[in-house]
N, C-alpha and C. Protein backbone atom coordinates (compact mmCIF):
# COMPACT_ATOMS: atom_id res chain seq x y z
N MET A 1 91.12 80.34 102.21
CA MET A 1 91.87 81.87 102.06
C MET A 1 91.86 82.02 103.48
N GLN A 2 92.82 82.93 103.87
CA GLN A 2 93.20 83.23 105.53
C GLN A 2 92.34 84.55 105.53
N HIS A 3 91.71 84.92 106.27
CA HIS A 3 90.53 86.04 106.86
C HIS A 3 91.25 87.12 107.84
N PHE A 4 92.04 86.55 108.56
CA PHE A 4 92.68 87.33 109.85
C PHE A 4 93.81 87.40 109.99
N TYR A 5 94.85 88.34 110.32
CA TYR A 5 96.21 88.51 110.13
C TYR A 5 96.86 88.99 111.07
N ASP A 6 97.85 88.88 111.25
CA ASP A 6 98.68 90.17 112.45
C ASP A 6 99.83 90.45 111.55
N LEU A 7 99.99 92.20 111.40
CA LEU A 7 100.94 92.29 110.72
C LEU A 7 102.48 91.87 111.04
N ASN A 8 102.25 92.27 112.54
CA ASN A 8 103.52 91.80 113.03
C ASN A 8 103.88 90.27 112.77
N GLN A 9 103.26 89.28 112.55
CA GLN A 9 103.85 88.03 112.02
C GLN A 9 103.78 87.96 110.46
N VAL A 10 103.31 88.98 109.49
CA VAL A 10 103.51 88.95 108.18
C VAL A 10 105.40 88.92 107.41
N LYS A 11 105.92 88.08 106.95
CA LYS A 11 107.21 88.63 106.82
C LYS A 11 107.23 89.72 106.04
N GLU A 12 108.57 90.01 106.50
CA GLU A 12 108.47 91.78 105.82
C GLU A 12 109.42 91.55 104.83
N GLN A 13 109.03 92.38 103.69
CA GLN A 13 110.11 92.73 102.38
C GLN A 13 111.07 93.81 102.81
N ASP A 14 112.59 93.36 102.99
CA ASP A 14 113.51 94.46 103.12
C ASP A 14 113.74 95.05 102.05
N MET A 15 113.42 96.11 101.56
CA MET A 15 113.86 96.96 100.04
C MET A 15 115.10 97.91 100.55
N PRO A 16 115.70 98.24 99.74
CA PRO A 16 116.42 99.63 99.95
C PRO A 16 115.51 100.63 100.07
N GLY A 17 116.19 101.72 101.19
CA GLY A 17 115.12 102.90 101.46
C GLY A 17 113.47 102.58 102.11
N ARG A 18 113.50 101.15 102.43
CA ARG A 18 111.97 100.72 102.71
C ARG A 18 111.87 99.54 103.43
N LYS A 19 110.76 98.98 104.08
CA LYS A 19 110.36 97.69 104.46
C LYS A 19 108.76 97.75 104.59
N ARG A 20 108.57 96.81 104.13
CA ARG A 20 107.03 96.53 103.57
C ARG A 20 106.52 95.05 103.93
N ARG A 21 105.31 95.03 104.60
CA ARG A 21 104.40 93.73 104.49
C ARG A 21 103.33 93.82 104.00
N LEU A 22 102.75 92.77 103.09
CA LEU A 22 101.73 92.26 102.30
C LEU A 22 100.34 91.39 102.53
N VAL A 23 99.41 92.32 102.62
CA VAL A 23 98.15 91.28 102.79
C VAL A 23 97.40 91.33 101.75
N VAL A 24 97.42 89.71 100.81
CA VAL A 24 96.76 89.70 99.25
C VAL A 24 95.82 88.66 99.50
N GLY A 25 95.07 89.70 99.04
CA GLY A 25 93.12 88.69 98.94
C GLY A 25 93.47 88.57 97.07
N LYS A 26 92.29 88.01 96.70
CA LYS A 26 91.29 87.47 95.35
C LYS A 26 91.64 89.09 94.63
N ASP A 27 90.89 90.04 94.96
CA ASP A 27 90.87 91.46 94.41
C ASP A 27 91.19 92.59 95.03
N VAL A 28 92.13 92.64 96.24
CA VAL A 28 92.44 93.76 97.04
C VAL A 28 93.56 93.29 97.62
N MET A 29 94.49 94.44 97.54
CA MET A 29 95.64 94.00 98.48
C MET A 29 96.14 95.11 99.56
N LEU A 30 96.74 94.80 100.74
CA LEU A 30 97.65 96.04 101.36
C LEU A 30 98.51 95.91 101.89
N VAL A 31 99.11 96.97 101.26
CA VAL A 31 100.74 97.03 101.80
C VAL A 31 101.22 97.78 102.99
N TYR A 32 101.86 97.47 104.29
CA TYR A 32 102.00 98.38 105.39
C TYR A 32 103.71 98.50 105.01
N VAL A 33 103.93 100.15 104.57
CA VAL A 33 105.52 100.30 104.55
C VAL A 33 105.72 101.13 105.49
N GLU A 34 106.79 101.06 105.65
CA GLU A 34 108.29 101.97 106.47
C GLU A 34 109.00 102.26 105.76
N ARG A 35 109.39 103.78 105.82
CA ARG A 35 109.90 104.22 104.49
C ARG A 35 111.02 105.02 105.42
N GLU A 36 112.42 105.45 104.77
CA GLU A 36 113.30 106.33 105.22
C GLU A 36 113.11 107.44 104.97
N ALA A 37 113.29 108.37 105.73
CA ALA A 37 113.31 109.93 105.32
C ALA A 37 114.20 110.22 103.97
N GLY A 38 113.86 110.97 103.45
CA GLY A 38 114.75 111.40 101.96
C GLY A 38 114.76 110.37 101.25
N THR A 39 113.80 109.37 101.30
CA THR A 39 113.51 108.37 100.19
C THR A 39 112.59 109.19 98.85
N THR A 40 112.48 109.01 97.62
CA THR A 40 111.72 109.12 96.21
C THR A 40 111.01 108.31 95.46
N GLN A 41 110.13 108.80 95.44
CA GLN A 41 109.78 107.51 94.31
C GLN A 41 108.55 108.06 93.34
N GLU A 42 108.64 107.59 91.98
CA GLU A 42 107.70 108.86 90.77
C GLU A 42 107.40 107.22 90.33
N HIS A 43 106.11 106.44 89.84
CA HIS A 43 105.58 105.90 88.89
C HIS A 43 104.51 106.09 88.46
N THR A 44 103.69 104.36 87.60
CA THR A 44 102.59 104.79 87.58
C THR A 44 102.64 103.08 87.29
N HIS A 45 101.30 102.80 87.63
CA HIS A 45 100.78 101.36 87.41
C HIS A 45 99.23 101.14 87.21
N ASP A 46 98.65 99.77 87.05
CA ASP A 46 96.95 100.10 86.08
C ASP A 46 96.46 99.50 87.16
N ASN A 47 96.71 100.03 88.63
CA ASN A 47 95.71 99.84 90.27
C ASN A 47 95.54 101.12 90.15
N GLU A 48 94.07 100.85 90.89
CA GLU A 48 93.75 101.94 91.69
C GLU A 48 94.26 101.70 93.26
N GLN A 49 94.76 103.16 93.43
CA GLN A 49 95.20 102.97 94.96
C GLN A 49 94.69 103.97 95.91
N LEU A 50 94.63 103.71 97.05
CA LEU A 50 94.77 104.55 98.45
C LEU A 50 96.19 104.80 99.23
N VAL A 51 96.23 105.50 100.07
CA VAL A 51 97.15 105.43 100.85
C VAL A 51 97.08 106.21 101.71
N TYR A 52 97.27 105.86 103.17
CA TYR A 52 96.97 106.29 104.27
C TYR A 52 98.17 106.53 105.23
N LEU A 53 98.63 108.02 105.33
CA LEU A 53 100.00 108.21 106.16
C LEU A 53 99.46 108.27 107.44
N GLN A 54 100.46 107.46 108.15
CA GLN A 54 100.02 106.94 109.76
C GLN A 54 100.99 107.78 110.46
N LYS A 55 102.17 108.07 110.11
CA LYS A 55 103.31 108.64 110.50
C LYS A 55 104.32 109.54 109.69
N GLY A 56 104.70 110.61 110.46
CA GLY A 56 105.19 111.22 109.56
C GLY A 56 104.92 112.36 108.54
N LYS A 57 105.62 113.17 107.53
CA LYS A 57 105.43 114.14 106.59
C LYS A 57 105.71 113.69 105.13
N ALA A 58 105.28 113.88 104.50
CA ALA A 58 105.61 113.68 102.79
C ALA A 58 104.84 114.16 102.00
N ARG A 59 105.27 114.97 100.58
CA ARG A 59 105.09 115.66 99.42
C ARG A 59 104.37 114.47 98.75
N PHE A 60 103.13 114.22 98.43
CA PHE A 60 102.60 113.48 97.79
C PHE A 60 102.26 114.15 96.43
N THR A 61 102.83 113.36 95.15
CA THR A 61 102.26 114.13 93.79
C THR A 61 101.30 112.94 93.07
N VAL A 62 99.97 113.55 92.45
CA VAL A 62 99.44 112.70 91.82
C VAL A 62 99.10 113.59 90.41
N GLY A 63 99.37 113.21 89.19
CA GLY A 63 99.07 113.47 88.11
C GLY A 63 99.20 114.92 87.84
N GLY A 64 100.26 115.42 88.59
CA GLY A 64 100.88 116.54 88.33
C GLY A 64 100.33 117.78 89.65
N GLU A 65 99.64 117.16 90.64
CA GLU A 65 99.25 118.17 91.75
C GLU A 65 100.00 117.57 93.09
N SER A 66 100.52 118.75 93.51
CA SER A 66 101.26 117.92 94.69
C SER A 66 101.04 118.66 96.25
N ARG A 67 100.97 118.15 97.09
CA ARG A 67 100.46 118.44 98.42
C ARG A 67 101.33 117.63 99.67
N GLU A 68 101.46 118.74 100.71
CA GLU A 68 102.27 118.37 101.77
C GLU A 68 101.01 117.29 102.73
N ILE A 69 101.72 116.28 102.96
CA ILE A 69 100.82 115.37 103.78
C ILE A 69 101.53 115.12 105.23
N GLU A 70 100.27 115.04 105.93
CA GLU A 70 101.18 114.09 107.59
C GLU A 70 100.27 113.33 108.14
N ALA A 71 100.21 112.59 109.21
CA ALA A 71 99.73 111.91 109.64
C ALA A 71 98.81 112.11 109.42
N GLY A 72 97.60 110.95 108.99
CA GLY A 72 96.09 110.81 109.24
C GLY A 72 95.83 111.54 108.04
N GLY A 73 96.24 111.91 106.87
CA GLY A 73 96.21 112.31 105.49
C GLY A 73 95.66 110.97 104.60
N VAL A 74 95.06 110.69 103.70
CA VAL A 74 94.78 110.05 102.68
C VAL A 74 95.15 110.63 101.47
N VAL A 75 95.62 109.81 100.23
CA VAL A 75 95.88 110.43 99.14
C VAL A 75 95.27 109.03 98.16
N HIS A 76 94.32 109.46 97.16
CA HIS A 76 93.44 108.66 96.24
C HIS A 76 94.35 108.61 94.94
N ILE A 77 94.79 107.83 94.33
CA ILE A 77 95.75 107.37 93.40
C ILE A 77 95.14 106.61 91.82
N PRO A 78 94.76 107.35 91.10
CA PRO A 78 93.36 106.40 90.19
C PRO A 78 94.56 105.46 89.54
N ALA A 79 93.84 104.87 89.07
CA ALA A 79 94.62 103.89 87.83
C ALA A 79 95.41 104.68 86.52
N GLY A 80 96.77 104.15 86.34
CA GLY A 80 97.23 105.07 85.18
C GLY A 80 97.90 105.87 85.87
N ALA A 81 97.64 107.12 86.84
CA ALA A 81 98.14 108.18 87.11
C ALA A 81 99.60 108.39 87.43
N LEU A 82 100.23 108.99 87.23
CA LEU A 82 101.44 109.47 87.54
C LEU A 82 101.75 109.86 88.42
N HIS A 83 102.39 109.37 89.59
CA HIS A 83 102.12 109.60 91.07
C HIS A 83 103.98 109.18 92.05
N GLY A 84 104.06 110.18 92.99
CA GLY A 84 104.96 109.95 93.56
C GLY A 84 105.07 110.39 95.03
N LEU A 85 106.06 110.16 95.79
CA LEU A 85 106.50 111.07 97.34
C LEU A 85 107.68 111.03 97.32
N GLU A 86 108.10 111.90 98.23
CA GLU A 86 108.74 112.49 98.90
C GLU A 86 108.89 112.42 100.31
N ALA A 87 109.80 111.70 101.16
CA ALA A 87 109.45 111.35 102.21
C ALA A 87 110.29 112.39 103.28
N HIS A 88 109.45 113.15 103.59
CA HIS A 88 110.47 114.44 104.41
C HIS A 88 110.62 114.53 106.13
N THR A 89 110.00 113.23 106.62
CA THR A 89 110.83 112.84 107.58
C THR A 89 110.51 110.75 107.64
N PRO A 90 110.83 109.61 108.35
CA PRO A 90 110.89 108.67 108.39
C PRO A 90 109.28 108.48 108.31
N ILE A 91 108.71 107.77 107.41
CA ILE A 91 107.06 107.62 107.53
C ILE A 91 107.00 106.07 107.47
N THR A 92 105.30 105.92 107.89
CA THR A 92 104.59 104.79 107.55
C THR A 92 103.23 105.32 107.09
N TYR A 93 103.28 104.17 106.28
CA TYR A 93 101.71 104.16 105.53
C TYR A 93 101.49 102.98 104.98
N ILE A 94 99.95 103.10 105.08
CA ILE A 94 99.24 101.69 104.14
C ILE A 94 98.88 101.86 102.39
N GLY A 95 98.79 101.03 102.26
CA GLY A 95 98.49 101.51 100.98
C GLY A 95 97.67 100.08 100.29
N ILE A 96 96.62 100.62 99.77
CA ILE A 96 95.63 99.42 99.61
C ILE A 96 95.26 99.59 97.63
N TYR A 97 95.33 98.24 97.35
CA TYR A 97 95.75 98.46 95.94
C TYR A 97 94.37 97.24 95.53
N THR A 98 93.80 97.94 94.24
CA THR A 98 92.79 97.05 93.74
C THR A 98 93.35 96.84 91.97
N PRO A 99 93.14 96.09 91.39
CA PRO A 99 93.53 94.65 92.15
C PRO A 99 95.00 94.82 92.36
N PRO A 100 95.29 93.30 93.48
CA PRO A 100 96.60 93.32 93.98
C PRO A 100 97.35 93.82 92.56
N ARG A 101 99.07 93.96 92.69
CA ARG A 101 99.69 94.62 92.31
C ARG A 101 101.26 93.53 92.12
N LYS A 102 101.32 92.89 91.15
CA LYS A 102 102.09 91.52 90.76
C LYS A 102 103.20 91.77 91.18
N GLU A 103 104.15 93.24 90.59
CA GLU A 103 105.33 94.06 91.08
C GLU A 103 105.13 93.91 92.05
N VAL A 104 104.61 94.60 93.11
CA VAL A 104 104.90 94.55 94.56
C VAL A 104 104.90 92.94 95.15
N ILE A 105 104.01 92.62 94.96
CA ILE A 105 103.85 90.96 95.53
C ILE A 105 105.41 90.46 95.35
N ASP A 106 105.55 90.42 93.89
CA ASP A 106 107.15 90.22 93.26
C ASP A 106 108.49 90.58 93.70
N ALA A 107 108.22 91.67 94.77
CA ALA A 107 109.51 92.40 95.55
C ALA A 107 109.91 93.01 94.32
N THR A 108 109.33 93.27 93.04
CA THR A 108 109.99 94.18 91.91
C THR A 108 110.21 95.57 91.40
N ALA A 109 108.99 96.03 92.42
CA ALA A 109 108.75 97.40 92.32
C ALA A 109 108.68 97.83 93.69
């Protein structure tokens, strides 16, 4: 198993409205995402997730509670919680999932 990564060297998934790079371990996964302004997403999954917003502003909603988050903010998303985001500006964030989310790895979500 690989122990060290350079995100600049990790293969990029180019998807509508966003680009992302993944680092996947046995029980945890890191996703680096660059998302365009104006993009939205609402969904649920069985993985616990943390989101660290590195750049920009977005409205995050978790379990019916919404907050405006700026760079430096962290959002905790419990497994099974309906959640979403609306990017007010271009945003960059790191998502950490446990366990790894197969649909993200397969680029189907």
